[in-house]
N, C-alpha and C. Protein backbone atom coordinates (compact mmCIF):
# COMPACT_ATOMS: atom_id res chain seq x y z
N UNK A 1 -1.36 246.76 247.94
CA UNK A 1 -0.81 248.04 247.86
C UNK A 1 -0.91 248.87 246.78
N UNK A 2 -0.97 250.16 246.96
CA UNK A 2 -1.22 251.04 245.62
C UNK A 2 -0.04 252.10 245.74
N UNK A 3 -0.06 252.90 244.51
CA UNK A 3 0.78 253.91 244.32
C UNK A 3 2.31 253.44 244.17
N UNK A 4 3.20 254.46 244.51
CA UNK A 4 4.47 254.25 244.19
C UNK A 4 5.17 253.10 244.93
N UNK A 5 4.29 252.53 245.94
CA UNK A 5 5.11 251.47 246.80
C UNK A 5 5.09 250.14 246.08
N UNK A 6 4.15 250.11 245.32
CA UNK A 6 3.63 248.64 244.51
C UNK A 6 5.25 248.13 243.71
N UNK A 7 5.68 249.08 243.23
CA UNK A 7 6.76 248.84 242.08
C UNK A 7 8.24 248.37 243.27
N UNK A 8 8.32 248.91 244.28
CA UNK A 8 9.21 248.77 245.22
C UNK A 8 8.86 247.27 245.95
N UNK A 9 7.60 247.28 246.51
CA UNK A 9 7.44 245.89 246.69
C UNK A 9 7.78 244.68 245.89
N UNK A 10 7.41 244.83 244.71
CA UNK A 10 7.40 243.76 243.81
C UNK A 10 9.18 243.66 243.49
N UNK A 11 9.85 244.73 243.44
CA UNK A 11 11.46 244.59 243.49
C UNK A 11 11.76 243.64 244.52
N UNK A 12 11.40 244.06 245.79
CA UNK A 12 11.80 243.45 246.99
C UNK A 12 11.44 241.95 247.12
N UNK A 13 10.09 241.89 246.79
CA UNK A 13 9.60 240.18 246.61
C UNK A 13 10.36 239.50 245.61
N UNK A 14 10.75 240.06 244.28
CA UNK A 14 11.54 239.27 243.61
C UNK A 14 12.98 238.97 244.14
N UNK A 15 13.44 240.12 244.61
CA UNK A 15 14.91 239.68 245.12
C UNK A 15 14.76 238.61 246.04
N UNK A 16 14.01 238.59 247.14
CA UNK A 16 14.04 237.76 248.30
C UNK A 16 13.48 236.37 247.80
N UNK A 17 12.81 236.25 246.66
CA UNK A 17 12.47 234.79 246.35
C UNK A 17 13.35 234.31 245.09
N UNK A 18 14.11 235.42 244.38
CA UNK A 18 15.06 235.13 243.41
C UNK A 18 14.38 234.31 242.22
N UNK A 19 12.91 234.82 242.10
CA UNK A 19 12.17 234.46 240.88
C UNK A 19 12.59 234.98 239.42
N UNK A 20 12.81 234.17 238.54
CA UNK A 20 13.24 234.85 237.17
C UNK A 20 11.92 235.52 236.55
N UNK A 21 12.02 236.56 236.12
CA UNK A 21 11.05 237.25 235.68
C UNK A 21 11.36 237.59 234.11
N UNK A 22 10.25 237.80 233.15
CA UNK A 22 10.22 238.07 231.51
C UNK A 22 9.26 238.78 231.34
N UNK A 23 9.25 239.55 230.17
CA UNK A 23 8.43 240.12 229.66
C UNK A 23 7.24 239.36 228.91
N UNK A 24 6.02 239.96 228.90
CA UNK A 24 5.07 238.92 228.19
C UNK A 24 5.66 239.02 226.52
N UNK A 25 6.12 239.79 226.13
CA UNK A 25 6.38 239.81 224.67
C UNK A 25 7.61 238.79 224.44
N UNK A 26 8.71 238.85 225.49
CA UNK A 26 9.65 237.90 225.28
C UNK A 26 9.18 236.42 225.63
N UNK A 27 8.20 236.31 226.47
CA UNK A 27 7.83 235.05 226.78
C UNK A 27 7.04 234.46 225.89
N UNK A 28 6.16 235.37 224.93
CA UNK A 28 5.55 235.05 223.85
C UNK A 28 6.44 234.11 222.49
N UNK A 29 7.55 235.06 222.50
CA UNK A 29 8.60 234.49 221.56
C UNK A 29 9.43 233.61 221.90
N UNK A 30 9.51 233.15 222.99
CA UNK A 30 10.59 231.71 223.78
C UNK A 30 9.61 231.05 224.43
N UNK A 31 8.66 231.05 224.35
CA UNK A 31 7.74 230.07 225.17
C UNK A 31 8.10 228.55 225.13
N UNK A 32 8.34 228.05 224.07
CA UNK A 32 8.73 226.84 223.91
C UNK A 32 10.27 226.21 224.59
N UNK A 33 10.82 227.43 224.45
CA UNK A 33 12.51 227.13 224.99
C UNK A 33 12.27 227.42 226.72
N UNK A 34 11.44 228.05 227.26
CA UNK A 34 10.97 228.43 228.34
C UNK A 34 10.81 227.41 229.15
N UNK A 35 9.73 226.65 228.58
CA UNK A 35 9.10 225.40 228.96
C UNK A 35 10.10 224.49 229.17
N UNK A 36 11.04 224.11 228.10
CA UNK A 36 12.18 223.22 228.22
C UNK A 36 13.22 223.37 229.29
N UNK A 37 13.40 225.04 229.70
CA UNK A 37 14.37 225.01 230.71
C UNK A 37 13.47 225.61 231.74
N UNK A 38 12.61 225.14 232.13
CA UNK A 38 11.75 225.71 233.47
C UNK A 38 12.28 224.79 234.72
N UNK A 39 12.57 225.57 235.75
CA UNK A 39 13.09 224.92 237.15
C UNK A 39 11.93 224.95 238.00
N UNK A 40 12.36 224.29 239.10
CA UNK A 40 10.87 224.27 240.06
C UNK A 40 10.55 225.36 240.46
N UNK A 41 11.40 226.60 240.65
CA UNK A 41 10.73 227.90 240.87
C UNK A 41 9.95 228.61 240.12
N UNK A 42 9.78 228.26 238.81
CA UNK A 42 9.20 228.90 237.97
C UNK A 42 9.46 230.13 237.20
N UNK A 43 8.96 231.02 236.65
CA UNK A 43 9.07 232.01 236.19
C UNK A 43 7.89 233.08 235.92
N UNK A 44 8.10 234.28 236.45
CA UNK A 44 6.98 235.16 236.56
C UNK A 44 7.15 236.07 235.21
N UNK A 45 5.77 236.00 234.65
CA UNK A 45 5.43 236.78 233.33
C UNK A 45 5.00 238.16 233.57
N UNK A 46 5.52 239.26 233.07
CA UNK A 46 5.28 240.89 233.43
C UNK A 46 4.75 241.38 232.22
N UNK A 47 3.74 242.28 232.46
CA UNK A 47 3.11 242.93 231.25
C UNK A 47 3.29 244.43 231.94
N UNK A 48 3.99 245.32 231.06
CA UNK A 48 4.35 246.67 231.59
C UNK A 48 4.85 246.95 232.98
N UNK A 49 5.69 245.90 233.14
CA UNK A 49 6.59 245.85 234.62
C UNK A 49 5.71 245.42 235.67
N UNK A 50 4.39 244.83 235.28
CA UNK A 50 3.74 244.58 236.51
C UNK A 50 3.40 242.78 236.48
N UNK A 51 3.82 241.98 237.22
CA UNK A 51 3.55 240.55 237.28
C UNK A 51 1.97 240.41 236.97
N UNK A 52 1.89 239.67 235.91
CA UNK A 52 0.32 239.02 235.71
C UNK A 52 0.38 237.51 235.56
N UNK A 53 1.58 236.80 235.62
CA UNK A 53 1.36 235.41 235.78
C UNK A 53 2.62 234.59 236.04
N UNK A 54 2.35 233.65 236.69
CA UNK A 54 3.66 232.89 237.13
C UNK A 54 3.56 231.39 236.56
N UNK A 55 4.53 231.06 235.68
CA UNK A 55 4.36 229.81 235.17
C UNK A 55 5.39 228.79 235.83
N UNK A 56 4.57 227.70 236.27
CA UNK A 56 5.62 226.62 237.11
C UNK A 56 5.31 225.41 236.77
N UNK A 57 6.27 224.47 236.85
CA UNK A 57 6.07 223.08 236.47
C UNK A 57 5.17 222.27 237.08
N UNK A 58 4.48 221.33 236.25
CA UNK A 58 3.45 220.62 237.08
C UNK A 58 4.38 219.49 237.69
N UNK A 59 3.83 219.38 238.84
CA UNK A 59 4.71 218.45 239.66
C UNK A 59 4.74 216.82 239.09
N UNK A 60 5.62 216.29 239.26
CA UNK A 60 5.58 214.84 238.62
C UNK A 60 4.85 213.86 239.45
N UNK A 61 4.53 212.70 238.93
CA UNK A 61 3.72 211.78 239.52
C UNK A 61 4.57 211.01 240.81
N UNK A 62 3.90 211.42 241.91
CA UNK A 62 4.67 210.81 243.10
C UNK A 62 4.52 209.35 243.16
N UNK A 63 4.09 208.51 242.24
CA UNK A 63 3.89 207.19 242.48
C UNK A 63 5.04 206.50 242.73
N UNK A 64 6.17 206.65 242.04
CA UNK A 64 7.51 206.46 242.52
C UNK A 64 7.98 206.36 243.84
N UNK A 65 7.19 207.18 244.71
CA UNK A 65 7.75 207.27 246.01
C UNK A 65 6.77 206.09 246.88
N UNK A 66 5.80 205.90 246.21
CA UNK A 66 4.91 204.80 246.82
C UNK A 66 5.73 203.40 247.08
N UNK A 67 6.13 202.69 248.28
CA UNK A 67 6.89 201.79 248.41
C UNK A 67 8.32 201.88 248.40
N UNK A 68 9.02 203.27 248.08
CA UNK A 68 10.54 203.41 248.14
C UNK A 68 11.13 203.21 249.63
N UNK A 69 10.27 202.98 250.53
CA UNK A 69 10.92 202.77 251.69
C UNK A 69 10.79 201.27 252.33
N UNK A 70 10.31 200.49 251.39
CA UNK A 70 9.95 199.26 251.76
C UNK A 70 11.17 198.58 252.08
N UNK A 71 11.17 197.67 253.54
CA UNK A 71 12.34 197.15 254.06
C UNK A 71 13.57 198.20 254.71
N UNK A 72 13.18 199.38 254.88
CA UNK A 72 13.90 200.37 255.47
C UNK A 72 13.56 200.77 256.88
N UNK A 73 12.17 200.62 257.29
CA UNK A 73 11.76 200.79 258.63
C UNK A 73 11.25 199.74 259.15
N UNK A 74 11.52 199.86 260.60
CA UNK A 74 11.47 198.69 261.31
C UNK A 74 10.29 199.05 262.51
N UNK A 75 9.23 198.21 262.57
CA UNK A 75 8.19 198.54 263.53
C UNK A 75 8.33 198.11 264.76
N UNK A 76 8.24 198.82 266.00
CA UNK A 76 8.57 198.21 267.17
C UNK A 76 7.33 198.63 268.13
N UNK A 77 6.64 197.13 268.37
CA UNK A 77 5.24 197.30 269.19
C UNK A 77 4.09 197.47 268.45
N UNK A 78 2.97 197.96 268.87
CA UNK A 78 1.70 197.97 268.14
C UNK A 78 1.34 199.14 267.80
N UNK A 79 1.67 199.52 266.64
CA UNK A 79 1.26 200.83 265.94
C UNK A 79 0.16 201.58 265.86
N UNK A 80 -1.12 200.41 266.05
CA UNK A 80 -2.11 200.91 266.41
C UNK A 80 -2.71 201.22 267.87
N UNK A 81 -1.88 201.17 268.58
CA UNK A 81 -2.10 201.49 270.09
C UNK A 81 -1.40 202.89 270.52
N UNK A 82 -1.98 203.58 271.38
CA UNK A 82 -1.30 204.75 272.11
C UNK A 82 -0.59 204.40 273.30
N UNK A 83 -0.53 202.90 273.43
CA UNK A 83 0.42 202.59 274.80
C UNK A 83 -0.73 202.93 275.98
N UNK A 84 -1.69 203.43 275.84
CA UNK A 84 -2.22 203.79 277.26
C UNK A 84 -3.87 202.99 277.32
N UNK A 85 -3.87 202.12 278.58
CA UNK A 85 -5.11 201.26 278.58
C UNK A 85 -6.26 201.89 278.98
N UNK A 86 -7.50 201.89 278.45
CA UNK A 86 -8.51 202.72 278.66
C UNK A 86 -9.69 201.79 278.71
N UNK A 87 -10.60 202.20 279.17
CA UNK A 87 -12.11 201.54 279.36
C UNK A 87 -13.22 202.03 278.49
N UNK A 88 -13.65 201.79 277.32
CA UNK A 88 -14.67 202.39 276.63
C UNK A 88 -15.79 202.61 277.26
N UNK A 89 -16.21 201.57 278.07
CA UNK A 89 -17.50 201.67 278.97
C UNK A 89 -17.49 202.58 280.24
N UNK A 90 -16.58 203.13 280.68
CA UNK A 90 -16.37 204.18 281.69
C UNK A 90 -16.62 205.39 281.50
């Protein structure tokens, strides 16, 4: 988008996503505190009212999910079969 519609689009986009925005100057002054309080949606950094960057947290290591359902799932039947008999030679 170009011209006067860009600002309106940015405002609508920010309203729909409810993403927090901050000026580059304020981000520079408060970046360590912002990192400590950063939520999953992140924060958009603006320069002269235009978004220039989005800071989002790094996703945590998902290794704690591995094996977390052990003993919670029951398997019925052969999970390696489709249940349809077929002849590979035909």
